[in-house]
Amino acid sequence: MNANELKTTIIEPVLEAMFMSSPRATQMLLGIAAVESDMCQNLTNTICSSLGPWQIEKKTFEDIKDRYLMRDDKQQLRDDVENACGVKLENLPFEELSKNFKLGCAFARIRLWWVSMPLPAATDIEGMAEYWKEHYNTTLGAGTEQDFVDKYNKYVIGE
């Protein structure tokens, strides 16, 4: 899947349905898909047991689904995610992330939304790389900021 297809068929519709759409979020999610899965070419990481274009780990999946979206005060967001992704979250298995890219997008967006620091500008590739490393990949992750920049340029800009 190329970046434009991912953007127009997955990211933008999901973010709009969740009322979490912005150019910053769209570009950040494109960058994460580029660096984490080579723009959907590598959907499973056996080293850290993560799945999908955004390489969501099982613990993150469970935190978002069971401890956050199932809260009573998150009913509207849960409904928005379910409608956007065509799923019912209750009893939804982690493995759904390997085939439901909309679900992965929604969970990645929520993961970013949890961060109190605002997303970098949609044109700030280096800022997105730093943000991804600190808040998504983490300092313990194998990826580097340069990996993000290189893959963003290859998959997002190069399209």
C-alpha atoms as a PDB file:
ATOM      1  CA  MET A   1       0.000   0.000   0.000  1.00  0.00           C
ATOM      2  CA  ASN A   2       1.406   3.408  -0.850  1.00  0.00           C
ATOM      3  CA  ALA A   3       1.255   6.449   1.418  1.00  0.00           C
ATOM      4  CA  ASN A   4      -1.503   8.207  -0.507  1.00  0.00           C
ATOM      5  CA  GLU A   5      -3.704   5.106  -0.451  1.00  0.00           C
ATOM      6  CA  LEU A   6      -3.103   4.613   3.283  1.00  0.00           C
ATOM      7  CA  LYS A   7      -3.899   8.281   3.883  1.00  0.00           C
ATOM      8  CA  THR A   8      -7.106   8.440   1.842  1.00  0.00           C
ATOM      9  CA  THR A   9      -8.589   4.997   2.537  1.00  0.00           C
ATOM     10  CA  ILE A  10      -7.545   4.392   6.147  1.00  0.00           C
ATOM     11  CA  ILE A  11      -6.098   7.341   8.072  1.00  0.00           C
ATOM     12  CA  GLU A  12      -8.340  10.231   7.050  1.00  0.00           C
ATOM     13  CA  PRO A  13     -11.661   8.334   7.278  1.00  0.00           C
ATOM     14  CA  VAL A  14     -10.781   6.823  10.663  1.00  0.00           C
ATOM     15  CA  LEU A  15      -9.563  10.086  12.184  1.00  0.00           C
ATOM     16  CA  GLU A  16     -12.611  11.949  10.915  1.00  0.00           C
ATOM     17  CA  ALA A  17     -14.944   9.307  12.355  1.00  0.00           C
ATOM     18  CA  MET A  18     -13.141   9.606  15.707  1.00  0.00           C
ATOM     19  CA  PHE A  19     -13.217  13.427  15.623  1.00  0.00           C
ATOM     20  CA  MET A  20      -9.406  13.370  16.005  1.00  0.00           C
ATOM     21  CA  SER A  21      -8.427  14.547  12.539  1.00  0.00           C
ATOM     22  CA  SER A  22      -5.677  17.053  11.826  1.00  0.00           C
ATOM     23  CA  PRO A  23      -2.861  17.422   9.292  1.00  0.00           C
ATOM     24  CA  ARG A  24      -0.394  16.850  12.138  1.00  0.00           C
ATOM     25  CA  ALA A  25      -2.019  13.561  13.134  1.00  0.00           C
ATOM     26  CA  THR A  26      -2.284  12.378   9.522  1.00  0.00           C
ATOM     27  CA  GLN A  27       1.388  13.040   8.771  1.00  0.00           C
ATOM     28  CA  MET A  28       2.504  11.544  12.086  1.00  0.00           C
ATOM     29  CA  LEU A  29       0.552   8.348  11.401  1.00  0.00           C
ATOM     30  CA  LEU A  30       1.983   8.153   7.876  1.00  0.00           C
ATOM     31  CA  GLY A  31       5.480   8.506   9.328  1.00  0.00           C
ATOM     32  CA  ILE A  32       4.856   5.850  11.955  1.00  0.00           C
ATOM     33  CA  ALA A  33       3.537   3.414   9.334  1.00  0.00           C
ATOM     34  CA  ALA A  34       6.600   4.131   7.211  1.00  0.00           C
ATOM     35  CA  VAL A  35       9.134   3.484   9.964  1.00  0.00           C
ATOM     36  CA  GLU A  36       7.318   0.720  11.839  1.00  0.00           C
ATOM     37  CA  SER A  37       6.145  -1.457   8.917  1.00  0.00           C
ATOM     38  CA  ASP A  38       7.778  -0.091   5.757  1.00  0.00           C
ATOM     39  CA  MET A  39       4.375   1.295   4.740  1.00  0.00           C
ATOM     40  CA  CYS A  40       2.463  -1.952   5.391  1.00  0.00           C
ATOM     41  CA  GLN A  41       5.059  -4.312   3.910  1.00  0.00           C
ATOM     42  CA  ASN A  42       6.029  -5.853   7.263  1.00  0.00           C
ATOM     43  CA  LEU A  43       2.904  -6.348   9.358  1.00  0.00           C
ATOM     44  CA  THR A  44       4.289  -8.629  12.082  1.00  0.00           C
ATOM     45  CA  ASN A  45       7.274  -8.063  14.352  1.00  0.00           C
ATOM     46  CA  THR A  46       8.044 -11.309  16.159  1.00  0.00           C
ATOM     47  CA  ILE A  47      10.757  -9.721  18.313  1.00  0.00           C
ATOM     48  CA  CYS A  48       8.326  -7.518  20.246  1.00  0.00           C
ATOM     49  CA  SER A  49       5.062  -9.244  19.240  1.00  0.00           C
ATOM     50  CA  SER A  50       3.557  -6.230  17.530  1.00  0.00           C
ATOM     51  CA  LEU A  51       1.095  -6.190  14.659  1.00  0.00           C
ATOM     52  CA  GLY A  52      -0.148  -4.073  11.780  1.00  0.00           C
ATOM     53  CA  PRO A  53       1.103  -0.985   9.959  1.00  0.00           C
ATOM     54  CA  TRP A  54       1.615   0.863  13.260  1.00  0.00           C
ATOM     55  CA  GLN A  55       3.133  -2.151  15.071  1.00  0.00           C
ATOM     56  CA  ILE A  56       0.876  -2.018  18.121  1.00  0.00           C
ATOM     57  CA  GLU A  57       2.137  -4.283  20.898  1.00  0.00           C
ATOM     58  CA  LYS A  58      -0.246  -6.580  22.748  1.00  0.00           C
ATOM     59  CA  LYS A  59       0.096  -4.700  26.049  1.00  0.00           C
ATOM     60  CA  THR A  60      -0.700  -1.394  24.318  1.00  0.00           C
ATOM     61  CA  PHE A  61      -3.660  -3.007  22.555  1.00  0.00           C
ATOM     62  CA  GLU A  62      -5.020  -4.281  25.864  1.00  0.00           C
ATOM     63  CA  ASP A  63      -4.446  -0.955  27.634  1.00  0.00           C
ATOM     64  CA  ILE A  64      -6.318   0.971  24.956  1.00  0.00           C
ATOM     65  CA  LYS A  65      -9.124  -1.538  24.493  1.00  0.00           C
ATOM     66  CA  ASP A  66      -9.735  -2.891  27.989  1.00  0.00           C
ATOM     67  CA  ARG A  67      -8.536  -0.176  30.329  1.00  0.00           C
ATOM     68  CA  TYR A  68      -9.426   2.922  28.322  1.00  0.00           C
ATOM     69  CA  LEU A  69     -12.112   2.436  25.684  1.00  0.00           C
ATOM     70  CA  MET A  70     -14.240   0.193  27.898  1.00  0.00           C
ATOM     71  CA  ARG A  71     -14.553   2.895  30.572  1.00  0.00           C
ATOM     72  CA  ASP A  72     -18.070   4.289  30.965  1.00  0.00           C
ATOM     73  CA  ASP A  73     -16.879   7.837  30.269  1.00  0.00           C
ATOM     74  CA  LYS A  74     -15.398   6.725  26.897  1.00  0.00           C
ATOM     75  CA  GLN A  75     -18.650   5.320  25.459  1.00  0.00           C
ATOM     76  CA  GLN A  76     -18.781   7.878  22.613  1.00  0.00           C
ATOM     77  CA  LEU A  77     -15.166   7.333  21.579  1.00  0.00           C
ATOM     78  CA  ARG A  78     -15.675   3.562  21.813  1.00  0.00           C
ATOM     79  CA  ASP A  79     -18.727   3.859  19.548  1.00  0.00           C
ATOM     80  CA  ASP A  80     -16.774   6.047  17.123  1.00  0.00           C
ATOM     81  CA  VAL A  81     -13.911   3.525  16.959  1.00  0.00           C
ATOM     82  CA  GLU A  82     -16.266   0.585  16.519  1.00  0.00           C
ATOM     83  CA  ASN A  83     -18.173   2.338  13.734  1.00  0.00           C
ATOM     84  CA  ALA A  84     -15.024   3.533  11.958  1.00  0.00           C
ATOM     85  CA  CYS A  85     -13.355   0.125  12.141  1.00  0.00           C
ATOM     86  CA  GLY A  86     -16.335  -2.177  11.672  1.00  0.00           C
ATOM     87  CA  VAL A  87     -15.749  -4.101  14.909  1.00  0.00           C
ATOM     88  CA  LYS A  88     -17.127  -4.652  18.378  1.00  0.00           C
ATOM     89  CA  LEU A  89     -14.305  -4.103  20.849  1.00  0.00           C
ATOM     90  CA  GLU A  90     -15.579  -6.411  23.559  1.00  0.00           C
ATOM     91  CA  ASN A  91     -13.698  -9.733  23.278  1.00  0.00           C
ATOM     92  CA  LEU A  92     -11.862  -8.518  20.155  1.00  0.00           C
ATOM     93  CA  PRO A  93      -8.575 -10.449  19.864  1.00  0.00           C
ATOM     94  CA  PHE A  94      -5.199  -8.773  19.516  1.00  0.00           C
ATOM     95  CA  GLU A  95      -4.664 -10.610  16.218  1.00  0.00           C
ATOM     96  CA  GLU A  96      -7.342  -8.420  14.597  1.00  0.00           C
ATOM     97  CA  LEU A  97      -4.626  -5.757  14.199  1.00  0.00           C
ATOM     98  CA  SER A  98      -2.871  -7.863  11.555  1.00  0.00           C
ATOM     99  CA  LYS A  99      -5.781  -7.522   9.119  1.00  0.00           C
ATOM    100  CA  ASN A 100      -7.827  -4.521  10.234  1.00  0.00           C
ATOM    101  CA  PHE A 101      -5.726  -1.493   9.340  1.00  0.00           C
ATOM    102  CA  LYS A 102      -8.480   0.881  10.439  1.00  0.00           C
ATOM    103  CA  LEU A 103      -8.338  -0.570  13.934  1.00  0.00           C
ATOM    104  CA  GLY A 104      -4.565  -0.188  14.031  1.00  0.00           C
ATOM    105  CA  CYS A 105      -4.900   3.417  12.893  1.00  0.00           C
ATOM    106  CA  ALA A 106      -7.479   4.177  15.598  1.00  0.00           C
ATOM    107  CA  PHE A 107      -5.335   2.616  18.313  1.00  0.00           C
ATOM    108  CA  ALA A 108      -2.187   4.384  17.116  1.00  0.00           C
ATOM    109  CA  ARG A 109      -4.070   7.705  17.151  1.00  0.00           C
ATOM    110  CA  ILE A 110      -5.313   7.095  20.683  1.00  0.00           C
ATOM    111  CA  ARG A 111      -1.764   6.161  21.730  1.00  0.00           C
ATOM    112  CA  LEU A 112      -0.542   9.523  20.391  1.00  0.00           C
ATOM    113  CA  TRP A 113      -3.491  11.353  21.935  1.00  0.00           C
ATOM    114  CA  TRP A 114      -2.436  10.149  25.391  1.00  0.00           C
ATOM    115  CA  VAL A 115       0.780  12.160  25.117  1.00  0.00           C
ATOM    116  CA  SER A 116       0.436  15.585  26.725  1.00  0.00           C
ATOM    117  CA  MET A 117       2.944  17.170  24.335  1.00  0.00           C
ATOM    118  CA  PRO A 118       1.315  18.413  21.097  1.00  0.00           C
ATOM    119  CA  LEU A 119       2.137  16.718  17.822  1.00  0.00           C
ATOM    120  CA  PRO A 120       4.827  18.412  15.718  1.00  0.00           C
ATOM    121  CA  ALA A 121       3.890  20.446  12.665  1.00  0.00           C
ATOM    122  CA  ALA A 122       2.847  18.375   9.664  1.00  0.00           C
ATOM    123  CA  THR A 123       5.917  19.588   7.755  1.00  0.00           C
ATOM    124  CA  ASP A 124       8.464  19.051  10.556  1.00  0.00           C
ATOM    125  CA  ILE A 125       9.954  15.662   9.696  1.00  0.00           C
ATOM    126  CA  GLU A 126      12.763  15.914  12.257  1.00  0.00           C
ATOM    127  CA  GLY A 127      10.255  16.976  14.929  1.00  0.00           C
ATOM    128  CA  MET A 128       8.048  14.006  14.072  1.00  0.00           C
ATOM    129  CA  ALA A 129      11.076  11.715  14.261  1.00  0.00           C
ATOM    130  CA  GLU A 130      11.954  13.004  17.739  1.00  0.00           C
ATOM    131  CA  TYR A 131       8.325  12.731  18.880  1.00  0.00           C
ATOM    132  CA  TRP A 132       8.025   9.177  17.546  1.00  0.00           C
ATOM    133  CA  LYS A 133      11.258   8.092  19.235  1.00  0.00           C
ATOM    134  CA  GLU A 134      10.378   9.613  22.597  1.00  0.00           C
ATOM    135  CA  HIS A 135       6.667   8.854  22.784  1.00  0.00           C
ATOM    136  CA  TYR A 136       5.933   5.915  20.484  1.00  0.00           C
ATOM    137  CA  ASN A 137       9.064   3.817  19.918  1.00  0.00           C
ATOM    138  CA  THR A 138      10.615   4.887  23.263  1.00  0.00           C
ATOM    139  CA  THR A 139      14.263   5.141  24.200  1.00  0.00           C
ATOM    140  CA  LEU A 140      14.395   1.360  24.637  1.00  0.00           C
ATOM    141  CA  GLY A 141      13.146   0.701  21.103  1.00  0.00           C
ATOM    142  CA  ALA A 142      15.532  -0.322  18.359  1.00  0.00           C
ATOM    143  CA  GLY A 143      14.470   2.383  15.904  1.00  0.00           C
ATOM    144  CA  THR A 144      16.306   5.669  15.546  1.00  0.00           C
ATOM    145  CA  GLU A 145      15.214   9.157  14.596  1.00  0.00           C
ATOM    146  CA  GLN A 146      17.263   8.784  11.430  1.00  0.00           C
ATOM    147  CA  ASP A 147      15.295   5.618  10.570  1.00  0.00           C
ATOM    148  CA  PHE A 148      12.102   7.658  10.821  1.00  0.00           C
ATOM    149  CA  VAL A 149      13.460  10.471   8.624  1.00  0.00           C
ATOM    150  CA  ASP A 150      14.832   8.045   6.013  1.00  0.00           C
ATOM    151  CA  LYS A 151      11.642   6.005   5.780  1.00  0.00           C
ATOM    152  CA  TYR A 152       9.396   9.077   5.821  1.00  0.00           C
ATOM    153  CA  ASN A 153      11.380  10.474   2.899  1.00  0.00           C
ATOM    154  CA  LYS A 154      11.280   7.132   1.074  1.00  0.00           C
ATOM    155  CA  TYR A 155       7.626   6.202   1.586  1.00  0.00           C
ATOM    156  CA  VAL A 156       5.769   9.468   2.216  1.00  0.00           C
ATOM    157  CA  ILE A 157       7.731  12.119   0.332  1.00  0.00           C
ATOM    158  CA  GLY A 158       8.923   9.718  -2.376  1.00  0.00           C
ATOM    159  CA  GLU A 159       5.398   8.761  -3.349  1.00  0.00           C
END
